[in-house]
C-alpha atoms as a PDB file:
ATOM      1  CA  MET A   1     -10.580  12.048  -7.448  1.00  0.00           C
ATOM      2  CA  PHE A   2     -11.444   8.653  -6.009  1.00  0.00           C
ATOM      3  CA  PRO A   3     -11.971   5.360  -7.895  1.00  0.00           C
ATOM      4  CA  LEU A   4     -15.397   3.753  -7.516  1.00  0.00           C
ATOM      5  CA  SER A   5     -15.102   0.657  -9.713  1.00  0.00           C
ATOM      6  CA  ASP A   6     -13.499  -0.746 -12.826  1.00  0.00           C
ATOM      7  CA  GLU A   7     -15.046  -2.314 -15.912  1.00  0.00           C
ATOM      8  CA  ASN A   8     -12.926  -5.451 -15.717  1.00  0.00           C
ATOM      9  CA  PRO A   9     -14.366  -8.943 -15.134  1.00  0.00           C
ATOM     10  CA  HIS A  10     -12.542 -11.519 -13.019  1.00  0.00           C
ATOM     11  CA  PHE A  11     -12.831 -15.282 -13.352  1.00  0.00           C
ATOM     12  CA  LEU A  12     -11.251 -16.684 -10.185  1.00  0.00           C
ATOM     13  CA  THR A  13     -12.818 -16.113  -6.779  1.00  0.00           C
ATOM     14  CA  PRO A  14     -10.281 -13.684  -5.253  1.00  0.00           C
ATOM     15  CA  TYR A  15      -9.645 -15.648  -2.057  1.00  0.00           C
ATOM     16  CA  THR A  16      -6.256 -14.041  -1.410  1.00  0.00           C
ATOM     17  CA  THR A  17      -7.667 -10.546  -1.811  1.00  0.00           C
ATOM     18  CA  TYR A  18     -10.445 -11.451   0.622  1.00  0.00           C
ATOM     19  CA  ALA A  19      -7.875 -12.866   3.060  1.00  0.00           C
ATOM     20  CA  LEU A  20      -5.653  -9.767   2.905  1.00  0.00           C
ATOM     21  CA  ILE A  21      -8.611  -7.477   3.551  1.00  0.00           C
ATOM     22  CA  ALA A  22      -9.713  -9.712   6.435  1.00  0.00           C
ATOM     23  CA  LEU A  23      -6.232  -9.727   8.009  1.00  0.00           C
ATOM     24  CA  ASN A  24      -6.066  -5.939   7.870  1.00  0.00           C
ATOM     25  CA  ALA A  25      -9.543  -5.672   9.369  1.00  0.00           C
ATOM     26  CA  LEU A  26      -8.715  -8.157  12.160  1.00  0.00           C
ATOM     27  CA  ALA A  27      -5.517  -6.302  13.012  1.00  0.00           C
ATOM     28  CA  TRP A  28      -7.472  -3.029  13.130  1.00  0.00           C
ATOM     29  CA  LEU A  29     -10.058  -4.596  15.437  1.00  0.00           C
ATOM     30  CA  PHE A  30      -7.984  -6.705  17.818  1.00  0.00           C
ATOM     31  CA  LEU A  31      -4.500  -5.149  17.788  1.00  0.00           C
ATOM     32  CA  GLN A  32      -5.362  -1.521  17.149  1.00  0.00           C
ATOM     33  CA  ARG A  33      -8.692  -1.480  18.971  1.00  0.00           C
ATOM     34  CA  LEU A  34     -10.441   0.345  16.131  1.00  0.00           C
ATOM     35  CA  GLY A  35      -7.994   3.231  16.388  1.00  0.00           C
ATOM     36  CA  THR A  36      -8.423   3.913  20.093  1.00  0.00           C
ATOM     37  CA  GLU A  37      -5.674   4.258  22.670  1.00  0.00           C
ATOM     38  CA  PRO A  38      -3.725   2.578  24.077  1.00  0.00           C
ATOM     39  CA  GLY A  39      -4.164  -0.098  21.396  1.00  0.00           C
ATOM     40  CA  LEU A  40      -3.377   2.165  18.438  1.00  0.00           C
ATOM     41  CA  GLY A  41      -0.180   3.660  19.846  1.00  0.00           C
ATOM     42  CA  ALA A  42       1.056   0.366  21.313  1.00  0.00           C
ATOM     43  CA  SER A  43       0.559  -1.542  18.056  1.00  0.00           C
ATOM     44  CA  VAL A  44       2.216   1.136  15.931  1.00  0.00           C
ATOM     45  CA  CYS A  45       5.229   1.339  18.258  1.00  0.00           C
ATOM     46  CA  ALA A  46       5.630  -2.430  18.595  1.00  0.00           C
ATOM     47  CA  LEU A  47       4.835  -3.598  15.051  1.00  0.00           C
ATOM     48  CA  GLY A  48       5.335  -0.539  12.846  1.00  0.00           C
ATOM     49  CA  LEU A  49       8.520  -0.286  10.791  1.00  0.00           C
ATOM     50  CA  VAL A  50      10.959   2.298  12.191  1.00  0.00           C
ATOM     51  CA  PRO A  51      13.824   2.895   9.717  1.00  0.00           C
ATOM     52  CA  GLY A  52      16.129   4.359  12.358  1.00  0.00           C
ATOM     53  CA  GLU A  53      15.601   1.363  14.639  1.00  0.00           C
ATOM     54  CA  LEU A  54      15.805  -1.342  11.973  1.00  0.00           C
ATOM     55  CA  LEU A  55      18.936   0.150  10.395  1.00  0.00           C
ATOM     56  CA  GLN A  56      20.371   1.154  13.793  1.00  0.00           C
ATOM     57  CA  THR A  57      20.905   4.749  12.650  1.00  0.00           C
ATOM     58  CA  LEU A  58      19.219   6.072  15.810  1.00  0.00           C
ATOM     59  CA  ALA A  59      20.390   5.394  19.341  1.00  0.00           C
ATOM     60  CA  ALA A  60      18.558   2.875  21.486  1.00  0.00           C
ATOM     61  CA  GLY A  61      16.326   4.603  24.002  1.00  0.00           C
ATOM     62  CA  THR A  62      15.415   7.452  21.631  1.00  0.00           C
ATOM     63  CA  ARG A  63      11.914   8.672  22.511  1.00  0.00           C
ATOM     64  CA  VAL A  64       9.785   9.406  19.453  1.00  0.00           C
ATOM     65  CA  PRO A  65       6.665  11.509  20.158  1.00  0.00           C
ATOM     66  CA  MET A  66       3.514   9.994  18.665  1.00  0.00           C
ATOM     67  CA  GLY A  67       0.933  12.277  20.229  1.00  0.00           C
ATOM     68  CA  PRO A  68       0.085  13.983  23.506  1.00  0.00           C
ATOM     69  CA  GLY A  69       1.854  11.934  26.171  1.00  0.00           C
ATOM     70  CA  VAL A  70       2.493   9.009  23.781  1.00  0.00           C
ATOM     71  CA  TYR A  71       6.063   8.013  22.879  1.00  0.00           C
ATOM     72  CA  CYS A  72       7.759   5.152  21.083  1.00  0.00           C
ATOM     73  CA  VAL A  73      11.054   4.151  22.692  1.00  0.00           C
ATOM     74  CA  LEU A  74      13.502   2.683  20.197  1.00  0.00           C
ATOM     75  CA  SER A  75      15.112  -0.641  21.016  1.00  0.00           C
ATOM     76  CA  ALA A  76      18.724  -1.766  20.662  1.00  0.00           C
ATOM     77  CA  SER A  77      17.464  -5.024  19.133  1.00  0.00           C
ATOM     78  CA  PRO A  78      15.561  -4.402  15.870  1.00  0.00           C
ATOM     79  CA  ASN A  79      12.287  -6.244  15.470  1.00  0.00           C
ATOM     80  CA  TRP A  80      12.855  -8.021  12.157  1.00  0.00           C
ATOM     81  CA  VAL A  81       9.197  -8.921  11.682  1.00  0.00           C
ATOM     82  CA  THR A  82       8.151  -5.275  11.272  1.00  0.00           C
ATOM     83  CA  PRO A  83       8.831  -5.209   7.489  1.00  0.00           C
ATOM     84  CA  ILE A  84       5.910  -7.660   7.285  1.00  0.00           C
ATOM     85  CA  THR A  85       3.703  -6.590  10.203  1.00  0.00           C
ATOM     86  CA  HIS A  86       3.679  -2.912   9.243  1.00  0.00           C
ATOM     87  CA  MET A  87       1.718  -3.823   6.082  1.00  0.00           C
ATOM     88  CA  PHE A  88      -1.274  -4.909   8.165  1.00  0.00           C
ATOM     89  CA  LEU A  89      -1.505  -1.885  10.486  1.00  0.00           C
ATOM     90  CA  HIS A  90      -3.038   1.534   9.892  1.00  0.00           C
ATOM     91  CA  GLY A  91      -3.107   4.959  11.461  1.00  0.00           C
ATOM     92  CA  GLY A  92      -6.814   5.794  11.274  1.00  0.00           C
ATOM     93  CA  TRP A  93     -10.199   4.950   9.822  1.00  0.00           C
ATOM     94  CA  LEU A  94      -9.690   6.823   6.547  1.00  0.00           C
ATOM     95  CA  HIS A  95      -6.292   5.164   6.160  1.00  0.00           C
ATOM     96  CA  ILE A  96      -7.589   1.602   6.375  1.00  0.00           C
ATOM     97  CA  ILE A  97     -10.838   2.212   4.471  1.00  0.00           C
ATOM     98  CA  GLY A  98      -9.020   3.915   1.595  1.00  0.00           C
ATOM     99  CA  ASN A  99      -6.372   1.211   1.368  1.00  0.00           C
ATOM    100  CA  MET A 100      -8.832  -1.663   1.481  1.00  0.00           C
ATOM    101  CA  TRP A 101     -11.019  -0.031  -1.149  1.00  0.00           C
ATOM    102  CA  PHE A 102      -8.077   0.314  -3.547  1.00  0.00           C
ATOM    103  CA  LEU A 103      -7.050  -3.286  -2.808  1.00  0.00           C
ATOM    104  CA  TRP A 104     -10.543  -4.531  -3.589  1.00  0.00           C
ATOM    105  CA  ILE A 105     -10.881  -2.624  -6.879  1.00  0.00           C
ATOM    106  CA  PHE A 106      -7.484  -3.569  -8.307  1.00  0.00           C
ATOM    107  CA  GLY A 107      -6.477  -6.670  -6.343  1.00  0.00           C
ATOM    108  CA  ASN A 108      -9.077  -9.104  -7.666  1.00  0.00           C
ATOM    109  CA  ASN A 109      -7.972  -8.676 -11.290  1.00  0.00           C
ATOM    110  CA  VAL A 110      -4.263  -8.887 -10.484  1.00  0.00           C
ATOM    111  CA  GLU A 111      -4.923 -12.045  -8.444  1.00  0.00           C
ATOM    112  CA  ASP A 112      -6.893 -13.303 -11.454  1.00  0.00           C
ATOM    113  CA  SER A 113      -3.739 -12.971 -13.568  1.00  0.00           C
ATOM    114  CA  MET A 114      -1.512 -14.986 -11.194  1.00  0.00           C
ATOM    115  CA  GLY A 115      -3.545 -17.368  -9.090  1.00  0.00           C
ATOM    116  CA  HIS A 116      -3.994 -17.248  -5.338  1.00  0.00           C
ATOM    117  CA  GLY A 117      -0.599 -18.394  -4.031  1.00  0.00           C
ATOM    118  CA  ARG A 118       1.474 -16.390  -6.468  1.00  0.00           C
ATOM    119  CA  PHE A 119      -0.542 -13.268  -5.702  1.00  0.00           C
ATOM    120  CA  ALA A 120       0.098 -13.643  -1.964  1.00  0.00           C
ATOM    121  CA  VAL A 121       3.870 -13.841  -2.522  1.00  0.00           C
ATOM    122  CA  PHE A 122       3.737 -10.988  -5.043  1.00  0.00           C
ATOM    123  CA  TYR A 123       1.857  -8.773  -2.579  1.00  0.00           C
ATOM    124  CA  LEU A 124       4.348  -9.347   0.229  1.00  0.00           C
ATOM    125  CA  LEU A 125       7.344  -8.759  -2.033  1.00  0.00           C
ATOM    126  CA  CYS A 126       5.859  -5.467  -3.220  1.00  0.00           C
ATOM    127  CA  GLY A 127       5.350  -4.418   0.401  1.00  0.00           C
ATOM    128  CA  LEU A 128       8.977  -5.261   1.221  1.00  0.00           C
ATOM    129  CA  ALA A 129      10.240  -3.319  -1.821  1.00  0.00           C
ATOM    130  CA  ALA A 130       8.110  -0.352  -0.772  1.00  0.00           C
ATOM    131  CA  ALA A 131       9.564  -0.416   2.744  1.00  0.00           C
ATOM    132  CA  ALA A 132      13.104  -0.720   1.377  1.00  0.00           C
ATOM    133  CA  LEU A 133      12.819   2.410  -0.774  1.00  0.00           C
ATOM    134  CA  GLN A 134      11.218   4.399   2.063  1.00  0.00           C
ATOM    135  CA  MET A 135      14.075   3.406   4.394  1.00  0.00           C
ATOM    136  CA  TYR A 136      16.629   4.309   1.731  1.00  0.00           C
ATOM    137  CA  ALA A 137      14.997   7.724   1.296  1.00  0.00           C
ATOM    138  CA  ASN A 138      14.919   8.457   5.043  1.00  0.00           C
ATOM    139  CA  PRO A 139      17.160   6.008   6.935  1.00  0.00           C
ATOM    140  CA  ARG A 140      17.258   8.104  10.123  1.00  0.00           C
ATOM    141  CA  SER A 141      13.511   8.393  10.558  1.00  0.00           C
ATOM    142  CA  GLY A 142      12.208   7.458  13.995  1.00  0.00           C
ATOM    143  CA  ILE A 143       8.557   7.575  12.970  1.00  0.00           C
ATOM    144  CA  PRO A 144       6.938   4.114  12.676  1.00  0.00           C
ATOM    145  CA  MET A 145       5.692   3.399   9.177  1.00  0.00           C
ATOM    146  CA  VAL A 146       2.389   1.551   8.932  1.00  0.00           C
ATOM    147  CA  GLY A 147      -0.073   0.811   6.165  1.00  0.00           C
ATOM    148  CA  ALA A 148      -0.802  -1.494   3.259  1.00  0.00           C
ATOM    149  CA  SER A 149      -0.402   1.248   0.664  1.00  0.00           C
ATOM    150  CA  GLY A 150       3.120   0.248  -0.405  1.00  0.00           C
ATOM    151  CA  ALA A 151       2.005  -3.295  -1.206  1.00  0.00           C
ATOM    152  CA  ILE A 152      -1.182  -1.969  -2.824  1.00  0.00           C
ATOM    153  CA  GLY A 153       0.991   0.362  -4.887  1.00  0.00           C
ATOM    154  CA  GLY A 154       2.549  -2.826  -6.245  1.00  0.00           C
ATOM    155  CA  VAL A 155      -0.891  -4.157  -7.114  1.00  0.00           C
ATOM    156  CA  MET A 156      -1.617  -0.951  -9.028  1.00  0.00           C
ATOM    157  CA  GLY A 157       1.728  -1.109 -10.815  1.00  0.00           C
ATOM    158  CA  ALA A 158       0.869  -4.627 -11.973  1.00  0.00           C
ATOM    159  CA  TYR A 159      -2.666  -3.606 -12.949  1.00  0.00           C
ATOM    160  CA  VAL A 160      -1.521  -0.795 -15.231  1.00  0.00           C
ATOM    161  CA  LEU A 161       0.845  -3.187 -17.040  1.00  0.00           C
ATOM    162  CA  LEU A 162      -1.818  -5.870 -17.413  1.00  0.00           C
ATOM    163  CA  TYR A 163      -4.941  -3.820 -18.114  1.00  0.00           C
ATOM    164  CA  PRO A 164      -3.896  -0.269 -19.092  1.00  0.00           C
ATOM    165  CA  LYS A 165      -7.012   0.538 -21.150  1.00  0.00           C
ATOM    166  CA  VAL A 166      -9.669  -0.764 -18.760  1.00  0.00           C
ATOM    167  CA  ARG A 167     -12.121   2.006 -17.853  1.00  0.00           C
ATOM    168  CA  VAL A 168     -12.122   3.093 -14.225  1.00  0.00           C
ATOM    169  CA  LYS A 169     -15.137   4.949 -12.841  1.00  0.00           C
ATOM    170  CA  MET A 170     -14.022   7.952 -10.783  1.00  0.00           C
ATOM    171  CA  LEU A 171     -15.764  10.123  -8.211  1.00  0.00           C
ATOM    172  CA  LEU A 172     -14.857  13.812  -8.471  1.00  0.00           C
ATOM    173  CA  PHE A 173     -15.544  16.577  -5.959  1.00  0.00           C
ATOM    174  CA  LEU A 174     -15.687  20.129  -7.365  1.00  0.00           C
ATOM    175  CA  GLY A 175     -16.628  22.245  -4.400  1.00  0.00           C
ATOM    176  CA  PHE A 176     -20.319  21.540  -3.808  1.00  0.00           C
ATOM    177  CA  ILE A 177     -20.600  19.590  -7.067  1.00  0.00           C
ATOM    178  CA  VAL A 178     -20.076  15.816  -7.029  1.00  0.00           C
ATOM    179  CA  THR A 179     -19.857  13.999 -10.343  1.00  0.00           C
ATOM    180  CA  THR A 180     -18.563  10.763 -11.837  1.00  0.00           C
ATOM    181  CA  PHE A 181     -16.663  10.004 -15.023  1.00  0.00           C
ATOM    182  CA  THR A 182     -14.626   7.140 -16.494  1.00  0.00           C
ATOM    183  CA  ILE A 183     -11.015   7.177 -17.677  1.00  0.00           C
ATOM    184  CA  PRO A 184      -8.557   4.485 -18.806  1.00  0.00           C
ATOM    185  CA  ALA A 185      -6.596   2.853 -15.984  1.00  0.00           C
ATOM    186  CA  PHE A 186      -3.271   4.123 -17.312  1.00  0.00           C
ATOM    187  CA  TRP A 187      -4.441   7.736 -16.900  1.00  0.00           C
ATOM    188  CA  MET A 188      -5.766   7.234 -13.387  1.00  0.00           C
ATOM    189  CA  LEU A 189      -2.835   5.137 -12.134  1.00  0.00           C
ATOM    190  CA  GLY A 190      -0.283   7.221 -14.020  1.00  0.00           C
ATOM    191  CA  TYR A 191      -1.635  10.351 -12.337  1.00  0.00           C
ATOM    192  CA  TRP A 192      -1.444   8.614  -8.948  1.00  0.00           C
ATOM    193  CA  PHE A 193       2.171   7.541  -9.535  1.00  0.00           C
ATOM    194  CA  VAL A 194       3.301  11.000 -10.652  1.00  0.00           C
ATOM    195  CA  ALA A 195       1.604  12.509  -7.589  1.00  0.00           C
ATOM    196  CA  GLN A 196       3.567  10.129  -5.334  1.00  0.00           C
ATOM    197  CA  VAL A 197       6.873  11.043  -7.006  1.00  0.00           C
ATOM    198  CA  ILE A 198       6.150  14.756  -6.641  1.00  0.00           C
ATOM    199  CA  GLY A 199       5.123  14.242  -3.012  1.00  0.00           C
ATOM    200  CA  GLY A 200       8.282  12.237  -2.347  1.00  0.00           C
ATOM    201  CA  ILE A 201      10.529  14.919  -3.828  1.00  0.00           C
ATOM    202  CA  GLY A 202       8.760  17.539  -1.732  1.00  0.00           C
ATOM    203  CA  ALA A 203       9.249  15.444   1.406  1.00  0.00           C
ATOM    204  CA  ILE A 204      13.032  15.095   0.989  1.00  0.00           C
ATOM    205  CA  GLY A 205      14.720  16.410   4.096  1.00  0.00           C
ATOM    206  CA  ALA A 206      11.442  16.700   6.010  1.00  0.00           C
ATOM    207  CA  HIS A 207      11.204  15.513   9.605  1.00  0.00           C
ATOM    208  CA  GLY A 208       8.232  14.040  11.451  1.00  0.00           C
ATOM    209  CA  GLY A 209       5.358  11.906  10.247  1.00  0.00           C
ATOM    210  CA  GLY A 210       3.327  12.093   7.079  1.00  0.00           C
ATOM    211  CA  VAL A 211       2.660  10.124   3.925  1.00  0.00           C
ATOM    212  CA  ALA A 212       5.322   7.550   2.961  1.00  0.00           C
ATOM    213  CA  PHE A 213       5.452   8.684  -0.673  1.00  0.00           C
ATOM    214  CA  TRP A 214       8.614   6.743  -1.522  1.00  0.00           C
ATOM    215  CA  ALA A 215       7.031   3.544  -0.230  1.00  0.00           C
ATOM    216  CA  HIS A 216       4.209   4.083  -2.715  1.00  0.00           C
ATOM    217  CA  VAL A 217       6.713   4.686  -5.523  1.00  0.00           C
ATOM    218  CA  GLY A 218       8.785   1.643  -4.566  1.00  0.00           C
ATOM    219  CA  GLY A 219       5.753  -0.620  -4.399  1.00  0.00           C
ATOM    220  CA  PHE A 220       4.404   0.606  -7.746  1.00  0.00           C
ATOM    221  CA  VAL A 221       7.700   0.080  -9.578  1.00  0.00           C
ATOM    222  CA  ALA A 222       8.227  -3.316  -7.937  1.00  0.00           C
ATOM    223  CA  GLY A 223       4.733  -4.396  -8.965  1.00  0.00           C
ATOM    224  CA  GLY A 224       5.314  -3.357 -12.562  1.00  0.00           C
ATOM    225  CA  LEU A 225       8.504  -5.423 -12.674  1.00  0.00           C
ATOM    226  CA  LEU A 226       7.415  -8.443 -10.642  1.00  0.00           C
ATOM    227  CA  VAL A 227       4.193  -8.938 -12.596  1.00  0.00           C
ATOM    228  CA  LEU A 228       6.323  -9.946 -15.584  1.00  0.00           C
ATOM    229  CA  LEU A 229       7.580 -12.870 -13.490  1.00  0.00           C
ATOM    230  CA  PHE A 230       4.434 -13.720 -11.518  1.00  0.00           C
ATOM    231  CA  ARG A 231       1.720 -13.504 -14.187  1.00  0.00           C
ATOM    232  CA  ASN A 232       0.277 -16.696 -15.588  1.00  0.00           C
ATOM    233  CA  ARG A 233      -0.055 -16.185 -19.332  1.00  0.00           C
ATOM    234  CA  GLU A 234      -2.943 -18.633 -19.628  1.00  0.00           C
ATOM    235  CA  LEU A 235      -4.907 -16.802 -16.950  1.00  0.00           C
ATOM    236  CA  VAL A 236      -4.153 -13.401 -18.481  1.00  0.00           C
ATOM    237  CA  ALA A 237      -5.204 -14.629 -21.930  1.00  0.00           C
ATOM    238  CA  ARG A 238      -8.805 -15.099 -20.696  1.00  0.00           C
ATOM    239  CA  HIS A 239      -9.227 -11.360 -20.129  1.00  0.00           C
ATOM    240  CA  PRO A 240     -10.920  -9.478 -22.965  1.00  0.00           C
ATOM    241  CA  TYR A 241      -9.370  -6.163 -21.893  1.00  0.00           C
ATOM    242  CA  ARG A 242      -5.726  -7.155 -21.424  1.00  0.00           C
ATOM    243  CA  GLY A 243      -2.840  -5.124 -22.800  1.00  0.00           C
ATOM    244  CA  TRP A 244      -2.720  -2.103 -25.048  1.00  0.00           C
ATOM    245  CA  SER A 245      -4.598  -3.818 -27.884  1.00  0.00           C
ATOM    246  CA  ALA A 246      -7.740  -4.257 -25.755  1.00  0.00           C
END
């Protein structure tokens, strides 16, 4: 299943959502060279978040294989900007397109509930919470973590608290059959969250790369909690589909 749109109006021009999408796109173009080497590997190694390097649980000089003939060499001096920079890097075209699509669908309405500046701070805090839980789950990982999905998980956690009954139009593939249907946001986002928890449990003890399930879980939970602090009640009150009584 893949979300296509939601039936939720927004009143503010979502400048912060536009800016976040633009920053991710610019990083993909200029730092990651549209996913080609050596730009992709160099950016991931230099600006991706490596739990084992940041927490110093892996020895300096450890060579982490990233692909045929491509290695990241861990440093003795952690790069403390990577908890932020990793949110704006991606591992491939499907990775960035999927993340930006989710951010566009759900980000504009969450920004609408907070205002531009608050939403920017909220987004970054969710990304940091996501990274923290992923590092806690696998502190000795040498694989660089990249992607906006932890922060976007926070956006979805906020969305389901703010607008649980808004209808989301979904695209469904059933073999050769492609169809669409609509479901309430709490069903779609609840299913996504449960899938991340199950994936995270299945990944416990695993080595190597893959999906950072616990980052998704951490971001989602952080978003659901932080929205209670960051929402502007006057802005939320304008929405006809807010809350469970919508």
